[in-house]
Amino acid sequence: MKFSITLTRVSRRLVQISVILLLILAAKDSAFRQDALRDSRRLQDAFSPDQSRYESLLESHSGLDKTLNGLRGNLWYFDVGGVAIADDLAVLEYVFASHRLTISFLLAGIWILLLCLGCGRVFCSYLCPAALLFDFGRLVRKGLIRVGFDLPEKVIPRFTKYLMLGVGLALAWVTGRYTLAWIYPPRLICVELDHYILEGTLRFGVVFLLGIVLLEVLVLPRAWCTHLCPGGALYSLLGSRRLLRIKLHEDRCTHCGACRPVCPYDLRPDEASPGMECDNCVRCIAACPEDALAYRRPRAIPKESTP
């Protein structure tokens, strides 16, 4: 069981780290191609090589050069070889702020929409780069409690994130400007990363993200993802009728409670099949010693033969 839990955590972390590395690569390549002063600096610096290693790599691999040149944007709006992929929160807020529908933008949001309809809120569990940051905050909180700090655990209603989604969209409609985009961690991480690579400085987004981490360390673990995130609210709604869902098989469940502490959203998988809040992270499935949680009905336990 412990091996299964570790394996699920490792696979999830690998995907999240891969997403972050892809974002860094896209930002670095974009900065490289926008560097119009490169040749000028070479003429001024006699010690500067004719070509950097990156330039030599691109020159010797035309396919890689073409691929990277077609890699632009971030998780808010990404372009891969001419195929646009947008965060559904970006699409929805654009519609509310601009008061119009753009077919190209709607098509860009279809990919994550299909992912939600099929698998639910997996964007939060596998693709969101902020998940690593918030998990770090959770580990810091556990460490502080372990060494003797008495940290409170406040209660924030779960409906708060749906309220924030509604209020944010209403403000976008009235003002004609993005509002949720400025408090949405996946976008903030991408924007700050781009700005740091292009300009070498950080801005307000870093302060906001650190504020969320402090909130989760000092007040309530996973407060943002569970109770406050407007993107999480949207993906919960879109994934409410998902095809792939975890089911509780009550005939197997012994109510041992092993599934509860591993759930990042403080759900109760041993009381009922997880609803739309579930992000299909499979932690509860890996933690269950009785195979009472599964995506499909487990094999029946063979009956003991009577003498």
Protein backbone atom coordinates (compact mmCIF):
# COMPACT_ATOMS: atom_id res chain seq x y z
CA MET A 1 0.00 0.00 0.00
CA LYS A 2 2.79 2.43 0.91
CA PHE A 3 4.49 1.63 -2.40
CA SER A 4 1.27 2.48 -4.29
CA ILE A 5 0.94 5.81 -2.46
CA THR A 6 4.57 6.65 -3.21
CA LEU A 7 4.16 5.69 -6.86
CA THR A 8 1.11 7.93 -7.32
CA ARG A 9 2.88 10.84 -5.63
CA VAL A 10 5.99 10.39 -7.78
CA SER A 11 4.00 10.19 -11.04
CA ARG A 12 2.04 13.31 -10.12
CA ARG A 13 5.20 15.20 -9.19
CA LEU A 14 6.91 14.17 -12.42
CA VAL A 15 4.03 15.56 -14.48
CA GLN A 16 3.99 18.82 -12.48
CA ILE A 17 7.77 19.24 -12.76
CA SER A 18 7.60 18.48 -16.51
CA VAL A 19 4.97 21.20 -16.93
CA ILE A 20 7.17 23.72 -15.10
CA LEU A 21 10.22 22.77 -17.17
CA LEU A 22 8.17 23.15 -20.36
CA LEU A 23 7.08 26.63 -19.25
CA ILE A 24 10.69 27.60 -18.50
CA LEU A 25 11.82 26.27 -21.89
CA ALA A 26 9.09 28.23 -23.70
CA ALA A 27 9.98 31.43 -21.83
CA LYS A 28 13.73 31.01 -22.39
CA ASP A 29 13.29 30.30 -26.10
CA SER A 30 10.97 33.28 -26.46
CA ALA A 31 13.54 35.52 -24.75
CA PHE A 32 16.26 34.17 -27.03
CA ARG A 33 14.31 34.88 -30.21
CA GLN A 34 13.37 38.39 -29.04
CA ASP A 35 16.98 39.33 -28.31
CA ALA A 36 17.52 41.81 -31.16
CA LEU A 37 20.78 43.12 -29.64
CA ARG A 38 22.59 39.77 -29.75
CA ASP A 39 24.71 40.54 -32.84
CA SER A 40 25.43 44.05 -31.59
CA ARG A 41 26.83 42.72 -28.32
CA ARG A 42 29.08 40.30 -30.17
CA LEU A 43 30.71 43.18 -32.06
CA GLN A 44 31.29 45.08 -28.82
CA ASP A 45 32.68 42.15 -26.83
CA ALA A 46 35.78 40.59 -28.34
CA PHE A 47 35.62 37.73 -25.85
CA SER A 48 32.05 36.82 -26.75
CA PRO A 49 31.82 33.58 -28.77
CA ASP A 50 30.37 33.70 -32.25
CA GLN A 51 27.54 31.41 -31.18
CA SER A 52 26.15 30.30 -27.88
CA ARG A 53 25.64 26.60 -27.23
CA TYR A 54 21.90 27.12 -27.58
CA GLU A 55 22.30 28.76 -30.99
CA SER A 56 24.62 25.99 -32.15
CA LEU A 57 22.11 23.38 -30.98
CA LEU A 58 19.28 25.02 -32.90
CA GLU A 59 21.40 25.48 -36.00
CA SER A 60 22.43 21.83 -36.07
CA HIS A 61 18.91 20.52 -35.39
CA SER A 62 16.45 22.26 -37.67
CA GLY A 63 13.56 20.13 -36.46
CA LEU A 64 14.16 21.18 -32.85
CA ASP A 65 14.45 24.82 -33.94
CA LYS A 66 11.10 24.63 -35.73
CA THR A 67 9.44 22.87 -32.79
CA LEU A 68 10.65 25.36 -30.21
CA ASN A 69 9.80 28.29 -32.45
CA GLY A 70 6.23 27.00 -32.44
CA LEU A 71 6.12 26.78 -28.65
CA ARG A 72 4.75 29.99 -27.15
CA GLY A 73 2.72 31.16 -24.19
CA ASN A 74 1.92 29.57 -20.85
CA LEU A 75 -0.89 27.70 -19.09
CA TRP A 76 -3.20 30.70 -19.43
CA TYR A 77 -2.90 30.60 -23.23
CA PHE A 78 -0.48 28.22 -24.94
CA ASP A 79 0.36 27.80 -28.61
CA VAL A 80 1.98 24.57 -29.74
CA GLY A 81 2.75 24.40 -33.44
CA GLY A 82 -0.20 26.61 -34.30
CA VAL A 83 -2.64 24.75 -32.02
CA ALA A 84 -3.92 27.05 -29.28
CA ILE A 85 -4.69 25.66 -25.80
CA ALA A 86 -6.31 27.95 -23.24
CA ASP A 87 -7.23 27.64 -19.59
CA ASP A 88 -11.03 27.48 -19.43
CA LEU A 89 -11.02 30.22 -16.79
CA ALA A 90 -9.19 32.44 -19.30
CA VAL A 91 -11.84 31.70 -21.93
CA LEU A 92 -14.74 32.34 -19.55
CA GLU A 93 -13.30 35.58 -18.18
CA TYR A 94 -12.51 36.78 -21.70
CA VAL A 95 -16.13 36.25 -22.69
CA PHE A 96 -17.39 38.16 -19.63
CA ALA A 97 -14.87 41.00 -19.97
CA SER A 98 -15.21 41.51 -23.74
CA HIS A 99 -18.95 40.74 -23.98
CA ARG A 100 -18.36 38.73 -27.12
CA LEU A 101 -17.62 35.22 -28.29
CA THR A 102 -14.54 34.45 -30.33
CA ILE A 103 -14.60 31.10 -32.05
CA SER A 104 -10.82 30.73 -32.05
CA PHE A 105 -10.64 31.41 -28.31
CA LEU A 106 -13.50 29.02 -27.59
CA LEU A 107 -11.77 26.32 -29.64
CA ALA A 108 -8.60 26.90 -27.60
CA GLY A 109 -10.53 26.06 -24.44
CA ILE A 110 -12.06 22.87 -25.82
CA TRP A 111 -9.01 20.74 -24.92
CA ILE A 112 -9.14 21.24 -21.16
CA LEU A 113 -12.95 21.16 -21.29
CA LEU A 114 -12.80 17.67 -22.81
CA LEU A 115 -10.25 16.69 -20.17
CA CYS A 116 -12.68 17.85 -17.46
CA LEU A 117 -15.65 16.07 -19.00
CA GLY A 118 -13.67 12.86 -19.16
CA CYS A 119 -11.51 12.94 -16.03
CA GLY A 120 -12.80 15.81 -13.89
CA ARG A 121 -10.59 18.22 -11.99
CA VAL A 122 -7.27 16.63 -13.00
CA PHE A 123 -5.88 20.00 -14.06
CA CYS A 124 -5.58 20.77 -10.34
CA SER A 125 -3.92 17.50 -9.38
CA TYR A 126 -1.51 17.03 -12.29
CA LEU A 127 -1.05 20.17 -14.41
CA CYS A 128 -1.26 23.11 -12.00
CA PRO A 129 2.29 24.33 -11.19
CA ALA A 130 1.03 25.98 -7.99
CA ALA A 131 0.29 22.54 -6.49
CA LEU A 132 4.01 22.01 -5.81
CA LEU A 133 4.23 25.36 -4.06
CA PHE A 134 1.19 24.69 -1.87
CA ASP A 135 2.38 21.18 -1.03
CA PHE A 136 5.61 22.76 0.16
CA GLY A 137 3.56 25.02 2.44
CA ARG A 138 1.73 21.98 3.79
CA LEU A 139 5.06 20.27 4.59
CA VAL A 140 6.30 23.41 6.37
CA ARG A 141 3.13 23.46 8.46
CA LYS A 142 3.55 19.80 9.40
CA GLY A 143 7.15 20.45 10.35
CA LEU A 144 6.22 23.39 12.57
CA ILE A 145 3.54 21.36 14.32
CA ARG A 146 5.97 18.49 14.80
CA VAL A 147 8.49 20.70 16.59
CA GLY A 148 5.85 22.08 18.94
CA PHE A 149 4.15 25.08 17.32
CA ASP A 150 0.44 25.25 18.07
CA LEU A 151 -0.99 26.34 14.72
CA PRO A 152 -4.74 26.92 14.41
CA GLU A 153 -6.90 25.37 11.71
CA LYS A 154 -9.60 27.84 10.82
CA VAL A 155 -12.76 26.99 8.91
CA ILE A 156 -13.46 28.53 5.51
CA PRO A 157 -16.73 27.49 3.81
CA ARG A 158 -16.22 25.44 0.66
CA PHE A 159 -18.69 27.58 -1.27
CA THR A 160 -16.28 30.55 -0.97
CA LYS A 161 -14.46 29.57 -4.17
CA TYR A 162 -17.76 29.49 -6.10
CA LEU A 163 -18.60 32.90 -4.66
CA MET A 164 -15.18 34.21 -5.76
CA LEU A 165 -15.75 32.80 -9.25
CA GLY A 166 -19.15 34.49 -9.51
CA VAL A 167 -17.98 37.83 -8.11
CA GLY A 168 -14.89 37.83 -10.31
CA LEU A 169 -16.89 37.17 -13.48
CA ALA A 170 -19.42 39.84 -12.47
CA LEU A 171 -16.61 42.39 -12.02
CA ALA A 172 -15.14 41.41 -15.39
CA TRP A 173 -18.56 41.96 -17.00
CA VAL A 174 -19.04 45.37 -15.38
CA THR A 175 -15.50 46.75 -15.73
CA GLY A 176 -14.54 45.10 -18.99
CA ARG A 177 -11.22 44.00 -17.45
CA TYR A 178 -9.72 40.76 -16.21
CA THR A 179 -10.05 40.34 -12.45
CA LEU A 180 -9.64 36.64 -11.65
CA ALA A 181 -6.49 36.50 -13.78
CA TRP A 182 -4.69 38.60 -11.16
CA ILE A 183 -5.38 36.18 -8.31
CA TYR A 184 -5.12 32.88 -10.21
CA PRO A 185 -1.91 31.07 -9.11
CA PRO A 186 -1.23 29.05 -12.31
CA ARG A 187 -1.28 32.24 -14.38
CA LEU A 188 0.68 34.25 -11.79
CA ILE A 189 3.46 31.64 -11.72
CA CYS A 190 3.67 31.65 -15.52
CA VAL A 191 3.63 35.46 -15.79
CA GLU A 192 6.23 35.94 -13.06
CA LEU A 193 8.41 33.25 -14.61
CA ASP A 194 8.20 34.91 -18.03
CA HIS A 195 8.93 38.34 -16.57
CA TYR A 196 11.90 37.10 -14.58
CA ILE A 197 13.46 35.38 -17.60
CA LEU A 198 12.79 38.33 -19.94
CA GLU A 199 13.40 41.25 -17.55
CA GLY A 200 15.28 39.72 -14.62
CA THR A 201 12.83 41.05 -12.02
CA LEU A 202 9.85 39.83 -10.02
CA ARG A 203 6.59 41.67 -9.34
CA PHE A 204 3.41 41.66 -7.24
CA GLY A 205 2.47 38.11 -8.21
CA VAL A 206 5.30 36.67 -6.12
CA VAL A 207 4.07 38.56 -3.05
CA PHE A 208 0.54 37.24 -3.61
CA LEU A 209 1.76 33.65 -3.98
CA LEU A 210 3.88 33.88 -0.84
CA GLY A 211 0.83 35.28 0.95
CA ILE A 212 -1.16 32.17 -0.02
CA VAL A 213 1.63 29.92 1.25
CA LEU A 214 1.67 31.79 4.58
CA LEU A 215 -2.12 31.46 4.78
CA GLU A 216 -1.82 27.70 4.32
CA VAL A 217 1.05 27.39 6.80
CA LEU A 218 -0.43 29.53 9.56
CA VAL A 219 -4.20 29.26 9.12
CA LEU A 220 -5.53 26.36 7.04
CA PRO A 221 -3.68 23.71 4.97
CA ARG A 222 -4.65 23.64 1.27
CA ALA A 223 -6.89 26.64 1.93
CA TRP A 224 -6.58 28.01 -1.60
CA CYS A 225 -7.21 24.83 -3.62
CA THR A 226 -10.02 23.60 -1.38
CA HIS A 227 -11.85 26.78 -0.39
CA LEU A 228 -10.75 29.80 -2.43
CA CYS A 229 -9.53 29.03 -5.97
CA PRO A 230 -11.93 30.29 -8.69
CA GLY A 231 -10.27 27.97 -11.21
CA GLY A 232 -10.83 25.03 -8.89
CA ALA A 233 -14.49 26.06 -8.63
CA LEU A 234 -14.85 26.16 -12.41
CA TYR A 235 -13.17 22.78 -12.93
CA SER A 236 -15.29 21.25 -10.18
CA LEU A 237 -18.42 22.40 -12.00
CA LEU A 238 -17.17 21.22 -15.40
CA GLY A 239 -16.15 17.85 -13.98
CA SER A 240 -19.35 17.23 -12.01
CA ARG A 241 -20.57 14.76 -14.67
CA ARG A 242 -17.17 13.33 -15.59
CA LEU A 243 -16.93 9.86 -17.10
CA LEU A 244 -13.99 8.70 -14.99
CA ARG A 245 -14.82 8.83 -11.31
CA ILE A 246 -13.81 7.09 -8.12
CA LYS A 247 -16.52 4.92 -6.62
CA LEU A 248 -16.94 3.68 -3.07
CA HIS A 249 -17.89 -0.01 -2.85
CA GLU A 250 -19.61 -0.13 0.51
CA ASP A 251 -19.59 -3.93 0.66
CA ARG A 252 -15.79 -3.82 0.97
CA CYS A 253 -15.32 -0.69 3.08
CA THR A 254 -14.46 -1.26 6.76
CA HIS A 255 -14.42 2.51 7.55
CA CYS A 256 -10.82 2.30 8.71
CA GLY A 257 -10.29 5.94 7.73
CA ALA A 258 -7.05 5.36 5.80
CA CYS A 259 -8.38 7.35 2.84
CA ARG A 260 -9.21 10.52 4.78
CA PRO A 261 -5.78 11.96 5.70
CA VAL A 262 -4.40 11.54 2.17
CA CYS A 263 -7.23 13.49 0.48
CA PRO A 264 -5.96 17.01 -0.34
CA TYR A 265 -9.52 18.39 -0.26
CA ASP A 266 -10.52 16.92 3.10
CA LEU A 267 -13.22 14.75 1.50
CA ARG A 268 -14.67 11.63 3.11
CA PRO A 269 -14.27 8.87 0.50
CA ASP A 270 -15.27 6.20 3.05
CA GLU A 271 -18.70 7.80 3.54
CA ALA A 272 -19.73 8.31 -0.08
CA SER A 273 -18.30 8.22 -3.59
CA PRO A 274 -16.31 11.46 -4.10
CA GLY A 275 -18.32 14.16 -5.86
CA MET A 276 -17.34 17.04 -8.10
CA GLU A 277 -14.69 18.35 -5.66
CA CYS A 278 -12.57 15.25 -6.31
CA ASP A 279 -9.62 15.75 -8.68
CA ASN A 280 -9.00 12.03 -9.36
CA CYS A 281 -5.53 12.16 -7.81
CA VAL A 282 -6.00 8.45 -6.81
CA ARG A 283 -4.39 8.97 -3.39
CA CYS A 284 -7.43 7.45 -1.67
CA ILE A 285 -7.37 4.41 -3.98
CA ALA A 286 -3.69 3.82 -3.20
CA ALA A 287 -4.28 4.25 0.55
CA CYS A 288 -7.29 1.92 0.84
CA PRO A 289 -6.23 -1.51 2.23
CA GLU A 290 -9.55 -3.13 1.32
CA ASP A 291 -9.78 -2.11 -2.38
CA ALA A 292 -13.07 -0.42 -1.51
CA LEU A 293 -12.27 2.58 -3.73
CA ALA A 294 -11.77 2.05 -7.44
CA TYR A 295 -12.56 3.42 -10.88
CA ARG A 296 -14.46 0.25 -11.63
CA ARG A 297 -15.99 -2.47 -9.58
CA PRO A 298 -13.26 -4.62 -7.96
CA ARG A 299 -13.23 -8.34 -8.33
CA ALA A 300 -15.56 -10.10 -5.98
CA ILE A 301 -14.11 -11.72 -2.88
CA PRO A 302 -14.41 -15.48 -3.28
CA LYS A 303 -16.79 -17.02 -0.78
CA GLU A 304 -15.41 -19.53 1.70
CA SER A 305 -16.56 -23.02 0.95
CA THR A 306 -18.73 -24.61 3.62
CA PRO A 307 -17.81 -28.13 4.74
